C-alpha atoms as a PDB file:
ATOM      1  CA  UNK A   1     -59.365 -66.059  26.981  1.00  0.00           C
ATOM      2  CA  UNK A   2     -56.192 -66.856  25.780  1.00  0.00           C
ATOM      3  CA  UNK A   3     -56.738 -64.979  22.563  1.00  0.00           C
ATOM      4  CA  UNK A   4     -58.121 -62.081  24.484  1.00  0.00           C
ATOM      5  CA  UNK A   5     -55.031 -61.896  26.738  1.00  0.00           C
ATOM      6  CA  UNK A   6     -52.740 -62.099  23.675  1.00  0.00           C
ATOM      7  CA  UNK A   7     -54.517 -59.311  22.061  1.00  0.00           C
ATOM      8  CA  UNK A   8     -54.364 -57.293  25.128  1.00  0.00           C
ATOM      9  CA  UNK A   9     -50.724 -58.168  25.560  1.00  0.00           C
ATOM     10  CA  UNK A  10     -50.040 -57.143  21.796  1.00  0.00           C
ATOM     11  CA  UNK A  11     -51.873 -53.810  22.346  1.00  0.00           C
ATOM     12  CA  UNK A  12     -50.105 -52.808  25.309  1.00  0.00           C
ATOM     13  CA  UNK A  13     -46.615 -53.793  23.742  1.00  0.00           C
ATOM     14  CA  UNK A  14     -47.577 -51.629  20.565  1.00  0.00           C
ATOM     15  CA  UNK A  15     -48.783 -48.603  22.342  1.00  0.00           C
ATOM     16  CA  UNK A  16     -45.760 -48.800  24.735  1.00  0.00           C
ATOM     17  CA  UNK A  17     -43.395 -49.169  21.797  1.00  0.00           C
ATOM     18  CA  UNK A  18     -45.046 -46.163  19.832  1.00  0.00           C
ATOM     19  CA  UNK A  19     -44.703 -44.009  22.937  1.00  0.00           C
ATOM     20  CA  UNK A  20     -41.207 -44.853  23.223  1.00  0.00           C
ATOM     21  CA  UNK A  21     -40.554 -44.131  19.428  1.00  0.00           C
ATOM     22  CA  UNK A  22     -42.472 -40.697  19.591  1.00  0.00           C
ATOM     23  CA  UNK A  23     -41.992 -39.668  23.133  1.00  0.00           C
ATOM     24  CA  UNK A  24     -39.065 -37.201  22.708  1.00  0.00           C
ATOM     25  CA  UNK A  25     -39.972 -33.874  21.169  1.00  0.00           C
ATOM     26  CA  UNK A  26     -36.473 -33.273  20.009  1.00  0.00           C
ATOM     27  CA  UNK A  27     -36.559 -36.775  18.310  1.00  0.00           C
ATOM     28  CA  UNK A  28     -40.028 -36.065  16.604  1.00  0.00           C
ATOM     29  CA  UNK A  29     -38.480 -32.812  15.257  1.00  0.00           C
ATOM     30  CA  UNK A  30     -35.685 -34.697  13.985  1.00  0.00           C
ATOM     31  CA  UNK A  31     -37.952 -37.357  12.218  1.00  0.00           C
ATOM     32  CA  UNK A  32     -39.951 -34.492  10.623  1.00  0.00           C
ATOM     33  CA  UNK A  33     -36.775 -32.864   9.144  1.00  0.00           C
ATOM     34  CA  UNK A  34     -35.661 -36.539   7.899  1.00  0.00           C
ATOM     35  CA  UNK A  35     -38.950 -36.756   6.062  1.00  0.00           C
ATOM     36  CA  UNK A  36     -38.726 -33.227   4.622  1.00  0.00           C
ATOM     37  CA  UNK A  37     -35.069 -33.770   3.368  1.00  0.00           C
ATOM     38  CA  UNK A  38     -35.456 -37.414   2.067  1.00  0.00           C
ATOM     39  CA  UNK A  39     -34.767 -38.498  -1.427  1.00  0.00           C
ATOM     40  CA  UNK A  40     -38.061 -40.114  -2.404  1.00  0.00           C
ATOM     41  CA  UNK A  41     -36.529 -41.659  -5.690  1.00  0.00           C
ATOM     42  CA  UNK A  42     -35.095 -44.235  -3.361  1.00  0.00           C
ATOM     43  CA  UNK A  43     -38.548 -44.889  -1.957  1.00  0.00           C
ATOM     44  CA  UNK A  44     -39.761 -45.432  -5.404  1.00  0.00           C
ATOM     45  CA  UNK A  45     -36.921 -47.958  -5.897  1.00  0.00           C
ATOM     46  CA  UNK A  46     -37.956 -49.737  -2.598  1.00  0.00           C
ATOM     47  CA  UNK A  47     -41.491 -50.095  -3.867  1.00  0.00           C
ATOM     48  CA  UNK A  48     -39.902 -51.723  -7.333  1.00  0.00           C
ATOM     49  CA  UNK A  49     -37.677 -53.968  -5.273  1.00  0.00           C
ATOM     50  CA  UNK A  50     -40.669 -55.167  -3.051  1.00  0.00           C
ATOM     51  CA  UNK A  51     -42.716 -55.892  -6.202  1.00  0.00           C
ATOM     52  CA  UNK A  52     -39.801 -58.254  -7.218  1.00  0.00           C
ATOM     53  CA  UNK A  53     -40.467 -59.860  -3.458  1.00  0.00           C
ATOM     54  CA  UNK A  54     -43.881 -60.488  -4.309  1.00  0.00           C
ATOM     55  CA  UNK A  55     -43.398 -61.858  -7.839  1.00  0.00           C
ATOM     56  CA  UNK A  56     -40.860 -64.358  -6.371  1.00  0.00           C
ATOM     57  CA  UNK A  57     -43.463 -65.532  -3.783  1.00  0.00           C
ATOM     58  CA  UNK A  58     -46.110 -66.028  -6.604  1.00  0.00           C
ATOM     59  CA  UNK A  59     -43.339 -68.192  -8.654  1.00  0.00           C
ATOM     60  CA  UNK A  60     -42.596 -70.177  -5.218  1.00  0.00           C
ATOM     61  CA  UNK A  61     -46.212 -70.732  -4.607  1.00  0.00           C
ATOM     62  CA  UNK A  62     -46.939 -71.970  -8.273  1.00  0.00           C
ATOM     63  CA  UNK A  63     -43.864 -74.140  -8.293  1.00  0.00           C
ATOM     64  CA  UNK A  64     -45.334 -75.833  -4.820  1.00  0.00           C
ATOM     65  CA  UNK A  65     -48.722 -76.229  -6.326  1.00  0.00           C
ATOM     66  CA  UNK A  66     -47.635 -77.893  -9.493  1.00  0.00           C
ATOM     67  CA  UNK A  67     -45.747 -80.480  -7.381  1.00  0.00           C
ATOM     68  CA  UNK A  68     -49.213 -81.295  -5.895  1.00  0.00           C
ATOM     69  CA  UNK A  69     -50.637 -81.533  -9.398  1.00  0.00           C
ATOM     70  CA  UNK A  70     -52.697 -78.469  -8.801  1.00  0.00           C
ATOM     71  CA  UNK A  71     -53.033 -76.157 -11.933  1.00  0.00           C
ATOM     72  CA  UNK A  72     -54.402 -72.737 -11.326  1.00  0.00           C
ATOM     73  CA  UNK A  73     -54.513 -69.883 -13.655  1.00  0.00           C
ATOM     74  CA  UNK A  74     -51.767 -66.996 -12.910  1.00  0.00           C
ATOM     75  CA  UNK A  75     -54.425 -64.623 -11.888  1.00  0.00           C
ATOM     76  CA  UNK A  76     -55.786 -67.157  -9.217  1.00  0.00           C
ATOM     77  CA  UNK A  77     -52.243 -68.102  -7.899  1.00  0.00           C
ATOM     78  CA  UNK A  78     -51.278 -64.179  -7.914  1.00  0.00           C
ATOM     79  CA  UNK A  79     -54.646 -63.490  -6.225  1.00  0.00           C
ATOM     80  CA  UNK A  80     -54.434 -65.926  -3.518  1.00  0.00           C
ATOM     81  CA  UNK A  81     -50.693 -64.937  -2.904  1.00  0.00           C
ATOM     82  CA  UNK A  82     -51.768 -61.194  -2.461  1.00  0.00           C
ATOM     83  CA  UNK A  83     -54.350 -62.127   0.021  1.00  0.00           C
ATOM     84  CA  UNK A  84     -52.076 -64.083   2.105  1.00  0.00           C
ATOM     85  CA  UNK A  85     -49.437 -61.203   2.035  1.00  0.00           C
ATOM     86  CA  UNK A  86     -52.200 -58.732   3.133  1.00  0.00           C
ATOM     87  CA  UNK A  87     -53.603 -60.667   5.880  1.00  0.00           C
ATOM     88  CA  UNK A  88     -50.081 -61.712   7.119  1.00  0.00           C
ATOM     89  CA  UNK A  89     -49.503 -57.871   7.442  1.00  0.00           C
ATOM     90  CA  UNK A  90     -52.859 -56.969   8.889  1.00  0.00           C
ATOM     91  CA  UNK A  91     -53.789 -59.726  11.204  1.00  0.00           C
ATOM     92  CA  UNK A  92     -51.986 -60.371  14.680  1.00  0.00           C
ATOM     93  CA  UNK A  93     -49.859 -63.473  14.641  1.00  0.00           C
ATOM     94  CA  UNK A  94     -48.268 -63.376  11.118  1.00  0.00           C
ATOM     95  CA  UNK A  95     -50.125 -66.696  10.129  1.00  0.00           C
ATOM     96  CA  UNK A  96     -53.570 -65.392   9.524  1.00  0.00           C
ATOM     97  CA  UNK A  97     -52.890 -65.042   5.780  1.00  0.00           C
ATOM     98  CA  UNK A  98     -51.813 -68.432   5.567  1.00  0.00           C
ATOM     99  CA  UNK A  99     -55.051 -69.765   6.964  1.00  0.00           C
ATOM    100  CA  UNK A 100     -57.202 -67.490   4.501  1.00  0.00           C
ATOM    101  CA  UNK A 101     -55.187 -68.450   1.719  1.00  0.00           C
ATOM    102  CA  UNK A 102     -55.443 -72.059   2.774  1.00  0.00           C
ATOM    103  CA  UNK A 103     -59.255 -71.841   3.154  1.00  0.00           C
ATOM    104  CA  UNK A 104     -59.642 -70.241  -0.474  1.00  0.00           C
ATOM    105  CA  UNK A 105     -57.110 -72.886  -1.958  1.00  0.00           C
ATOM    106  CA  UNK A 106     -59.114 -75.798  -0.443  1.00  0.00           C
ATOM    107  CA  UNK A 107     -62.256 -74.432  -2.063  1.00  0.00           C
ATOM    108  CA  UNK A 108     -60.508 -74.048  -5.495  1.00  0.00           C
ATOM    109  CA  UNK A 109     -59.249 -77.665  -5.274  1.00  0.00           C
ATOM    110  CA  UNK A 110     -61.916 -79.863  -3.223  1.00  0.00           C
ATOM    111  CA  UNK A 111     -60.540 -83.082  -4.829  1.00  0.00           C
ATOM    112  CA  UNK A 112     -57.118 -82.163  -4.017  1.00  0.00           C
ATOM    113  CA  UNK A 113     -57.562 -80.923  -0.226  1.00  0.00           C
ATOM    114  CA  UNK A 114     -54.473 -82.800   1.302  1.00  0.00           C
ATOM    115  CA  UNK A 115     -52.155 -81.713  -1.755  1.00  0.00           C
ATOM    116  CA  UNK A 116     -53.418 -78.027  -1.112  1.00  0.00           C
ATOM    117  CA  UNK A 117     -52.827 -77.984   2.472  1.00  0.00           C
ATOM    118  CA  UNK A 118     -49.342 -79.758   2.142  1.00  0.00           C
ATOM    119  CA  UNK A 119     -48.322 -76.978  -0.334  1.00  0.00           C
ATOM    120  CA  UNK A 120     -49.234 -74.150   2.298  1.00  0.00           C
ATOM    121  CA  UNK A 121     -47.274 -75.835   5.085  1.00  0.00           C
ATOM    122  CA  UNK A 122     -44.061 -76.369   2.730  1.00  0.00           C
ATOM    123  CA  UNK A 123     -44.319 -72.814   1.481  1.00  0.00           C
ATOM    124  CA  UNK A 124     -43.922 -71.605   5.048  1.00  0.00           C
ATOM    125  CA  UNK A 125     -41.321 -74.176   5.690  1.00  0.00           C
ATOM    126  CA  UNK A 126     -39.061 -73.398   2.697  1.00  0.00           C
ATOM    127  CA  UNK A 127     -39.159 -69.681   3.513  1.00  0.00           C
ATOM    128  CA  UNK A 128     -38.004 -70.676   7.074  1.00  0.00           C
ATOM    129  CA  UNK A 129     -35.278 -72.742   5.633  1.00  0.00           C
ATOM    130  CA  UNK A 130     -33.787 -69.986   3.516  1.00  0.00           C
ATOM    131  CA  UNK A 131     -33.915 -67.393   6.259  1.00  0.00           C
ATOM    132  CA  UNK A 132     -31.909 -69.770   8.405  1.00  0.00           C
ATOM    133  CA  UNK A 133     -29.411 -70.145   5.508  1.00  0.00           C
ATOM    134  CA  UNK A 134     -29.090 -66.557   5.019  1.00  0.00           C
ATOM    135  CA  UNK A 135     -28.996 -65.678   8.642  1.00  0.00           C
ATOM    136  CA  UNK A 136     -26.252 -68.186   9.342  1.00  0.00           C
ATOM    137  CA  UNK A 137     -24.273 -66.635   6.474  1.00  0.00           C
ATOM    138  CA  UNK A 138     -24.693 -63.041   7.629  1.00  0.00           C
ATOM    139  CA  UNK A 139     -24.097 -63.641  11.248  1.00  0.00           C
ATOM    140  CA  UNK A 140     -20.846 -65.775  10.470  1.00  0.00           C
ATOM    141  CA  UNK A 141     -19.493 -62.782   8.057  1.00  0.00           C
ATOM    142  CA  UNK A 142     -20.337 -59.904  10.465  1.00  0.00           C
ATOM    143  CA  UNK A 143     -20.279 -61.494  14.007  1.00  0.00           C
ATOM    144  CA  UNK A 144     -17.776 -59.014  15.367  1.00  0.00           C
ATOM    145  CA  UNK A 145     -19.656 -56.011  14.160  1.00  0.00           C
ATOM    146  CA  UNK A 146     -23.136 -57.250  15.565  1.00  0.00           C
ATOM    147  CA  UNK A 147     -21.323 -57.919  19.027  1.00  0.00           C
ATOM    148  CA  UNK A 148     -19.529 -54.669  19.369  1.00  0.00           C
ATOM    149  CA  UNK A 149     -21.789 -53.062  22.047  1.00  0.00           C
ATOM    150  CA  UNK A 150     -23.951 -54.578  25.098  1.00  0.00           C
ATOM    151  CA  UNK A 151     -26.912 -53.284  23.361  1.00  0.00           C
ATOM    152  CA  UNK A 152     -26.524 -55.009  19.922  1.00  0.00           C
ATOM    153  CA  UNK A 153     -25.107 -57.958  21.648  1.00  0.00           C
ATOM    154  CA  UNK A 154     -28.222 -58.655  23.729  1.00  0.00           C
ATOM    155  CA  UNK A 155     -30.291 -58.369  20.706  1.00  0.00           C
ATOM    156  CA  UNK A 156     -27.984 -60.826  18.951  1.00  0.00           C
ATOM    157  CA  UNK A 157     -28.102 -63.421  21.502  1.00  0.00           C
ATOM    158  CA  UNK A 158     -31.906 -63.113  21.275  1.00  0.00           C
ATOM    159  CA  UNK A 159     -31.569 -64.037  17.598  1.00  0.00           C
ATOM    160  CA  UNK A 160     -29.167 -66.734  18.072  1.00  0.00           C
ATOM    161  CA  UNK A 161     -31.659 -68.379  20.521  1.00  0.00           C
ATOM    162  CA  UNK A 162     -34.440 -68.141  18.179  1.00  0.00           C
ATOM    163  CA  UNK A 163     -32.225 -69.489  15.351  1.00  0.00           C
ATOM    164  CA  UNK A 164     -30.964 -72.172  17.413  1.00  0.00           C
ATOM    165  CA  UNK A 165     -34.704 -73.209  18.494  1.00  0.00           C
ATOM    166  CA  UNK A 166     -35.542 -73.064  14.625  1.00  0.00           C
ATOM    167  CA  UNK A 167     -32.708 -75.300  13.830  1.00  0.00           C
ATOM    168  CA  UNK A 168     -33.481 -77.573  16.526  1.00  0.00           C
ATOM    169  CA  UNK A 169     -37.188 -77.965  15.534  1.00  0.00           C
ATOM    170  CA  UNK A 170     -36.201 -78.442  11.821  1.00  0.00           C
ATOM    171  CA  UNK A 171     -33.613 -81.127  12.724  1.00  0.00           C
ATOM    172  CA  UNK A 172     -36.275 -82.852  15.037  1.00  0.00           C
ATOM    173  CA  UNK A 173     -38.642 -82.857  12.214  1.00  0.00           C
ATOM    174  CA  UNK A 174     -36.209 -84.370   9.812  1.00  0.00           C
ATOM    175  CA  UNK A 175     -35.248 -86.936  12.184  1.00  0.00           C
ATOM    176  CA  UNK A 176     -38.739 -87.998  13.092  1.00  0.00           C
ATOM    177  CA  UNK A 177     -39.696 -87.924   9.281  1.00  0.00           C
ATOM    178  CA  UNK A 178     -36.448 -89.665   8.053  1.00  0.00           C
ATOM    179  CA  UNK A 179     -36.738 -92.599  10.829  1.00  0.00           C
ATOM    180  CA  UNK A 180     -40.565 -92.863  10.566  1.00  0.00           C
ATOM    181  CA  UNK A 181     -40.969 -92.287  14.223  1.00  0.00           C
ATOM    182  CA  UNK A 182     -44.190 -90.396  14.060  1.00  0.00           C
ATOM    183  CA  UNK A 183     -46.246 -93.536  14.958  1.00  0.00           C
ATOM    184  CA  UNK A 184     -44.316 -93.878  18.060  1.00  0.00           C
ATOM    185  CA  UNK A 185     -45.377 -90.334  19.363  1.00  0.00           C
ATOM    186  CA  UNK A 186     -48.269 -90.488  22.167  1.00  0.00           C
ATOM    187  CA  UNK A 187     -51.386 -89.200  20.572  1.00  0.00           C
ATOM    188  CA  UNK A 188     -51.289 -86.367  22.877  1.00  0.00           C
ATOM    189  CA  UNK A 189     -47.761 -85.176  21.925  1.00  0.00           C
ATOM    190  CA  UNK A 190     -47.654 -81.394  21.432  1.00  0.00           C
ATOM    191  CA  UNK A 191     -47.548 -80.645  17.839  1.00  0.00           C
ATOM    192  CA  UNK A 192     -48.218 -84.028  16.685  1.00  0.00           C
ATOM    193  CA  UNK A 193     -50.527 -83.418  13.818  1.00  0.00           C
ATOM    194  CA  UNK A 194     -48.153 -80.466  12.485  1.00  0.00           C
ATOM    195  CA  UNK A 195     -45.257 -82.910  12.568  1.00  0.00           C
ATOM    196  CA  UNK A 196     -47.113 -85.524  10.543  1.00  0.00           C
ATOM    197  CA  UNK A 197     -47.849 -82.638   8.139  1.00  0.00           C
ATOM    198  CA  UNK A 198     -44.413 -81.455   7.739  1.00  0.00           C
ATOM    199  CA  UNK A 199     -43.319 -85.150   7.528  1.00  0.00           C
ATOM    200  CA  UNK A 200     -45.580 -85.868   4.453  1.00  0.00           C
ATOM    201  CA  UNK A 201     -44.533 -82.402   2.980  1.00  0.00           C
ATOM    202  CA  UNK A 202     -40.780 -83.620   3.284  1.00  0.00           C
ATOM    203  CA  UNK A 203     -41.356 -86.902   1.558  1.00  0.00           C
ATOM    204  CA  UNK A 204     -43.388 -85.312  -1.154  1.00  0.00           C
ATOM    205  CA  UNK A 205     -41.152 -82.459  -2.082  1.00  0.00           C
ATOM    206  CA  UNK A 206     -37.885 -84.554  -1.361  1.00  0.00           C
ATOM    207  CA  UNK A 207     -38.828 -86.620  -4.486  1.00  0.00           C
ATOM    208  CA  UNK A 208     -39.418 -83.589  -6.631  1.00  0.00           C
ATOM    209  CA  UNK A 209     -35.955 -82.014  -5.553  1.00  0.00           C
ATOM    210  CA  UNK A 210     -35.548 -79.672  -8.772  1.00  0.00           C
ATOM    211  CA  UNK A 211     -38.819 -77.856  -7.842  1.00  0.00           C
ATOM    212  CA  UNK A 212     -37.958 -77.690  -4.333  1.00  0.00           C
ATOM    213  CA  UNK A 213     -34.697 -76.228  -5.150  1.00  0.00           C
ATOM    214  CA  UNK A 214     -36.614 -73.449  -7.456  1.00  0.00           C
ATOM    215  CA  UNK A 215     -38.880 -72.832  -4.397  1.00  0.00           C
ATOM    216  CA  UNK A 216     -35.650 -72.299  -2.173  1.00  0.00           C
ATOM    217  CA  UNK A 217     -34.254 -69.970  -4.373  1.00  0.00           C
ATOM    218  CA  UNK A 218     -37.406 -68.047  -4.785  1.00  0.00           C
ATOM    219  CA  UNK A 219     -37.433 -68.041  -0.964  1.00  0.00           C
ATOM    220  CA  UNK A 220     -33.803 -66.505  -1.069  1.00  0.00           C
ATOM    221  CA  UNK A 221     -34.993 -63.570  -3.468  1.00  0.00           C
ATOM    222  CA  UNK A 222     -38.070 -62.952  -1.068  1.00  0.00           C
ATOM    223  CA  UNK A 223     -35.921 -62.522   2.025  1.00  0.00           C
ATOM    224  CA  UNK A 224     -32.955 -60.683   0.270  1.00  0.00           C
ATOM    225  CA  UNK A 225     -35.209 -58.620  -1.627  1.00  0.00           C
ATOM    226  CA  UNK A 226     -37.042 -57.458   1.652  1.00  0.00           C
ATOM    227  CA  UNK A 227     -33.627 -56.616   3.130  1.00  0.00           C
ATOM    228  CA  UNK A 228     -33.076 -54.535  -0.048  1.00  0.00           C
ATOM    229  CA  UNK A 229     -36.244 -52.819   0.390  1.00  0.00           C
ATOM    230  CA  UNK A 230     -35.149 -51.614   3.763  1.00  0.00           C
ATOM    231  CA  UNK A 231     -31.824 -50.629   2.514  1.00  0.00           C
ATOM    232  CA  UNK A 232     -33.400 -48.354  -0.438  1.00  0.00           C
ATOM    233  CA  UNK A 233     -35.261 -46.446   2.262  1.00  0.00           C
ATOM    234  CA  UNK A 234     -32.224 -46.181   4.510  1.00  0.00           C
ATOM    235  CA  UNK A 235     -30.618 -44.533   1.419  1.00  0.00           C
ATOM    236  CA  UNK A 236     -33.727 -42.441   0.799  1.00  0.00           C
ATOM    237  CA  UNK A 237     -32.962 -40.877   4.342  1.00  0.00           C
ATOM    238  CA  UNK A 238     -29.248 -40.601   3.565  1.00  0.00           C
ATOM    239  CA  UNK A 239     -27.974 -43.040   6.002  1.00  0.00           C
ATOM    240  CA  UNK A 240     -24.392 -43.976   5.105  1.00  0.00           C
ATOM    241  CA  UNK A 241     -24.430 -47.810   5.568  1.00  0.00           C
ATOM    242  CA  UNK A 242     -22.575 -50.736   3.842  1.00  0.00           C
ATOM    243  CA  UNK A 243     -24.968 -52.934   2.179  1.00  0.00           C
ATOM    244  CA  UNK A 244     -23.265 -56.095   3.798  1.00  0.00           C
ATOM    245  CA  UNK A 245     -23.571 -54.367   7.329  1.00  0.00           C
ATOM    246  CA  UNK A 246     -27.274 -53.548   6.836  1.00  0.00           C
ATOM    247  CA  UNK A 247     -28.110 -56.850   5.544  1.00  0.00           C
ATOM    248  CA  UNK A 248     -26.328 -58.475   8.675  1.00  0.00           C
ATOM    249  CA  UNK A 249     -28.619 -56.282  10.954  1.00  0.00           C
ATOM    250  CA  UNK A 250     -31.842 -57.292   9.136  1.00  0.00           C
ATOM    251  CA  UNK A 251     -32.131 -60.940  10.129  1.00  0.00           C
ATOM    252  CA  UNK A 252     -32.287 -59.539  13.701  1.00  0.00           C
ATOM    253  CA  UNK A 253     -35.016 -56.997  13.070  1.00  0.00           C
ATOM    254  CA  UNK A 254     -36.922 -59.449  10.843  1.00  0.00           C
ATOM    255  CA  UNK A 255     -36.855 -62.427  13.273  1.00  0.00           C
ATOM    256  CA  UNK A 256     -37.541 -60.484  16.574  1.00  0.00           C
ATOM    257  CA  UNK A 257     -40.254 -58.134  15.062  1.00  0.00           C
ATOM    258  CA  UNK A 258     -42.002 -61.106  13.461  1.00  0.00           C
ATOM    259  CA  UNK A 259     -42.604 -62.407  17.021  1.00  0.00           C
ATOM    260  CA  UNK A 260     -46.341 -61.934  18.168  1.00  0.00           C
ATOM    261  CA  UNK A 261     -45.315 -59.488  20.896  1.00  0.00           C
ATOM    262  CA  UNK A 262     -46.948 -56.474  19.000  1.00  0.00           C
ATOM    263  CA  UNK A 263     -49.307 -55.886  15.886  1.00  0.00           C
ATOM    264  CA  UNK A 264     -47.242 -56.369  12.659  1.00  0.00           C
ATOM    265  CA  UNK A 265     -44.042 -55.762  14.744  1.00  0.00           C
ATOM    266  CA  UNK A 266     -45.034 -52.140  14.996  1.00  0.00           C
ATOM    267  CA  UNK A 267     -42.721 -50.308  17.570  1.00  0.00           C
ATOM    268  CA  UNK A 268     -40.488 -53.402  17.983  1.00  0.00           C
ATOM    269  CA  UNK A 269     -38.999 -52.785  14.543  1.00  0.00           C
ATOM    270  CA  UNK A 270     -38.264 -49.245  14.999  1.00  0.00           C
ATOM    271  CA  UNK A 271     -36.739 -49.994  18.392  1.00  0.00           C
ATOM    272  CA  UNK A 272     -34.188 -52.703  17.053  1.00  0.00           C
ATOM    273  CA  UNK A 273     -33.398 -50.811  14.003  1.00  0.00           C
ATOM    274  CA  UNK A 274     -32.592 -47.740  16.351  1.00  0.00           C
ATOM    275  CA  UNK A 275     -30.477 -49.734  18.635  1.00  0.00           C
ATOM    276  CA  UNK A 276     -28.535 -51.561  15.688  1.00  0.00           C
ATOM    277  CA  UNK A 277     -28.213 -48.619  13.175  1.00  0.00           C
ATOM    278  CA  UNK A 278     -27.314 -46.255  15.928  1.00  0.00           C
ATOM    279  CA  UNK A 279     -24.513 -48.489  17.667  1.00  0.00           C
ATOM    280  CA  UNK A 280     -23.055 -50.028  14.737  1.00  0.00           C
ATOM    281  CA  UNK A 281     -23.366 -47.532  11.876  1.00  0.00           C
ATOM    282  CA  UNK A 282     -23.658 -44.306  13.474  1.00  0.00           C
ATOM    283  CA  UNK A 283     -27.206 -43.675  11.930  1.00  0.00           C
ATOM    284  CA  UNK A 284     -29.059 -40.981  14.048  1.00  0.00           C
ATOM    285  CA  UNK A 285     -31.935 -42.606  15.977  1.00  0.00           C
ATOM    286  CA  UNK A 286     -34.570 -40.424  14.409  1.00  0.00           C
ATOM    287  CA  UNK A 287     -33.258 -41.525  10.997  1.00  0.00           C
ATOM    288  CA  UNK A 288     -33.137 -45.091  11.989  1.00  0.00           C
ATOM    289  CA  UNK A 289     -36.817 -45.027  13.314  1.00  0.00           C
ATOM    290  CA  UNK A 290     -38.095 -43.520  10.016  1.00  0.00           C
ATOM    291  CA  UNK A 291     -36.330 -46.277   8.202  1.00  0.00           C
ATOM    292  CA  UNK A 292     -38.441 -48.886   9.917  1.00  0.00           C
ATOM    293  CA  UNK A 293     -41.567 -46.913   9.859  1.00  0.00           C
ATOM    294  CA  UNK A 294     -41.160 -46.225   6.187  1.00  0.00           C
ATOM    295  CA  UNK A 295     -39.863 -49.577   5.218  1.00  0.00           C
ATOM    296  CA  UNK A 296     -43.145 -51.066   6.766  1.00  0.00           C
ATOM    297  CA  UNK A 297     -45.096 -48.543   5.030  1.00  0.00           C
ATOM    298  CA  UNK A 298     -43.777 -49.463   1.697  1.00  0.00           C
ATOM    299  CA  UNK A 299     -44.417 -53.226   2.377  1.00  0.00           C
ATOM    300  CA  UNK A 300     -48.081 -52.241   3.660  1.00  0.00           C
ATOM    301  CA  UNK A 301     -48.587 -50.220   0.126  1.00  0.00           C
ATOM    302  CA  UNK A 302     -47.378 -53.234  -1.782  1.00  0.00           C
ATOM    303  CA  UNK A 303     -49.621 -55.806   0.205  1.00  0.00           C
ATOM    304  CA  UNK A 304     -52.689 -53.334   0.069  1.00  0.00           C
ATOM    305  CA  UNK A 305     -53.899 -54.726  -3.373  1.00  0.00           C
ATOM    306  CA  UNK A 306     -54.425 -58.116  -1.504  1.00  0.00           C
ATOM    307  CA  UNK A 307     -57.335 -56.537   0.461  1.00  0.00           C
ATOM    308  CA  UNK A 308     -58.904 -55.274  -2.711  1.00  0.00           C
ATOM    309  CA  UNK A 309     -58.439 -58.836  -4.317  1.00  0.00           C
ATOM    310  CA  UNK A 310     -60.042 -60.386  -1.566  1.00  0.00           C
ATOM    311  CA  UNK A 311     -62.987 -57.997  -1.523  1.00  0.00           C
ATOM    312  CA  UNK A 312     -63.713 -59.283  -5.018  1.00  0.00           C
ATOM    313  CA  UNK A 313     -62.558 -62.958  -4.757  1.00  0.00           C
ATOM    314  CA  UNK A 314     -64.863 -65.757  -5.308  1.00  0.00           C
ATOM    315  CA  UNK A 315     -63.536 -69.068  -4.792  1.00  0.00           C
ATOM    316  CA  UNK A 316     -65.034 -71.600  -7.318  1.00  0.00           C
ATOM    317  CA  UNK A 317     -66.560 -73.882  -4.447  1.00  0.00           C
ATOM    318  CA  UNK A 318     -67.959 -70.922  -2.464  1.00  0.00           C
ATOM    319  CA  UNK A 319     -70.742 -68.109  -2.558  1.00  0.00           C
ATOM    320  CA  UNK A 320     -69.256 -65.436  -0.312  1.00  0.00           C
ATOM    321  CA  UNK A 321     -66.846 -64.808   2.570  1.00  0.00           C
ATOM    322  CA  UNK A 322     -66.981 -66.507   5.755  1.00  0.00           C
ATOM    323  CA  UNK A 323     -65.783 -65.849   9.273  1.00  0.00           C
ATOM    324  CA  UNK A 324     -62.175 -66.420  10.413  1.00  0.00           C
ATOM    325  CA  UNK A 325     -63.464 -68.766  13.153  1.00  0.00           C
ATOM    326  CA  UNK A 326     -65.140 -71.042  10.390  1.00  0.00           C
ATOM    327  CA  UNK A 327     -61.938 -71.018   8.259  1.00  0.00           C
ATOM    328  CA  UNK A 328     -59.780 -72.129  11.321  1.00  0.00           C
ATOM    329  CA  UNK A 329     -62.480 -74.835  12.101  1.00  0.00           C
ATOM    330  CA  UNK A 330     -62.187 -76.420   8.548  1.00  0.00           C
ATOM    331  CA  UNK A 331     -58.452 -75.837   8.355  1.00  0.00           C
ATOM    332  CA  UNK A 332     -58.059 -77.774  11.493  1.00  0.00           C
ATOM    333  CA  UNK A 333     -60.557 -80.500  10.760  1.00  0.00           C
ATOM    334  CA  UNK A 334     -58.740 -80.934   7.537  1.00  0.00           C
ATOM    335  CA  UNK A 335     -55.270 -81.081   9.434  1.00  0.00           C
ATOM    336  CA  UNK A 336     -56.781 -83.866  11.619  1.00  0.00           C
ATOM    337  CA  UNK A 337     -57.966 -85.924   8.702  1.00  0.00           C
ATOM    338  CA  UNK A 338     -54.521 -85.728   6.867  1.00  0.00           C
ATOM    339  CA  UNK A 339     -52.767 -86.824  10.083  1.00  0.00           C
ATOM    340  CA  UNK A 340     -55.009 -89.910  10.353  1.00  0.00           C
ATOM    341  CA  UNK A 341     -54.384 -90.854   6.877  1.00  0.00           C
ATOM    342  CA  UNK A 342     -50.670 -90.474   7.128  1.00  0.00           C
ATOM    343  CA  UNK A 343     -50.539 -92.825  10.282  1.00  0.00           C
END
């Protein structure tokens, strides 16, 4: 019932946001004009930039797997990464790709299931750490700009709340892990098993700090490359924005649109970019909306091969594809087993 209600909520928000984006006939005409007059050479550059993001994600994934003693061929690593990226874009919630990628990896490494799961956990964690570092830096540099108007200030405060929550969660996990407090948490403590996984990942990857530093650097490339992808799209629509100002806006868009309130951030992304770019950089609303839609389209095109790879992918320990529900059940069972072993 919870999943049904969440899906209905996401559908409602997505439809409402799309109606807001396209409701004005004059704005639709301006968006059409922007498409007709765009410089599509910049879109081609945006695609090339996002391919660099995908390569950095491949390298990060391979680094984290090697720490676990898992050696997969480059085609296998690349295939798993593409599958994860594809389903993170096309499944609600933004984590479905991680579950599918984890399930396939577990089938590839039946004798190293715990290590495979921890690699997936830390892949997401190191990405969050990199995003927090970038966001704190950019907000510090451009706080006055981002808080200029009431509209942009509201979005900035939402980001700061989410950023503060993320930092608090990270610090809590560090403290619980560092002082070995996991055994003092009640069995029914919310997120207890996830904390145990994160703690195990901390202890392992802290001992391999060179690899962890490399993975963190790859994460920086991933986030900054994604920002640059949207910047190239902005230049395609002849938006006169300074790179540092545009980059300061992107953490707000990336963070809020990643919340599971609409499908893949559709509508939410365009609304945020319209508010931020119009108020801070004098970008026409129609152009700002097209930047969001086209940037998302570029990412979809680059992630689309993951769906093709998944169709033909056959893990070593499986004979065919299984339902998402079965993947989640096996994933949850392994998480519980690991938490019991760590205790």
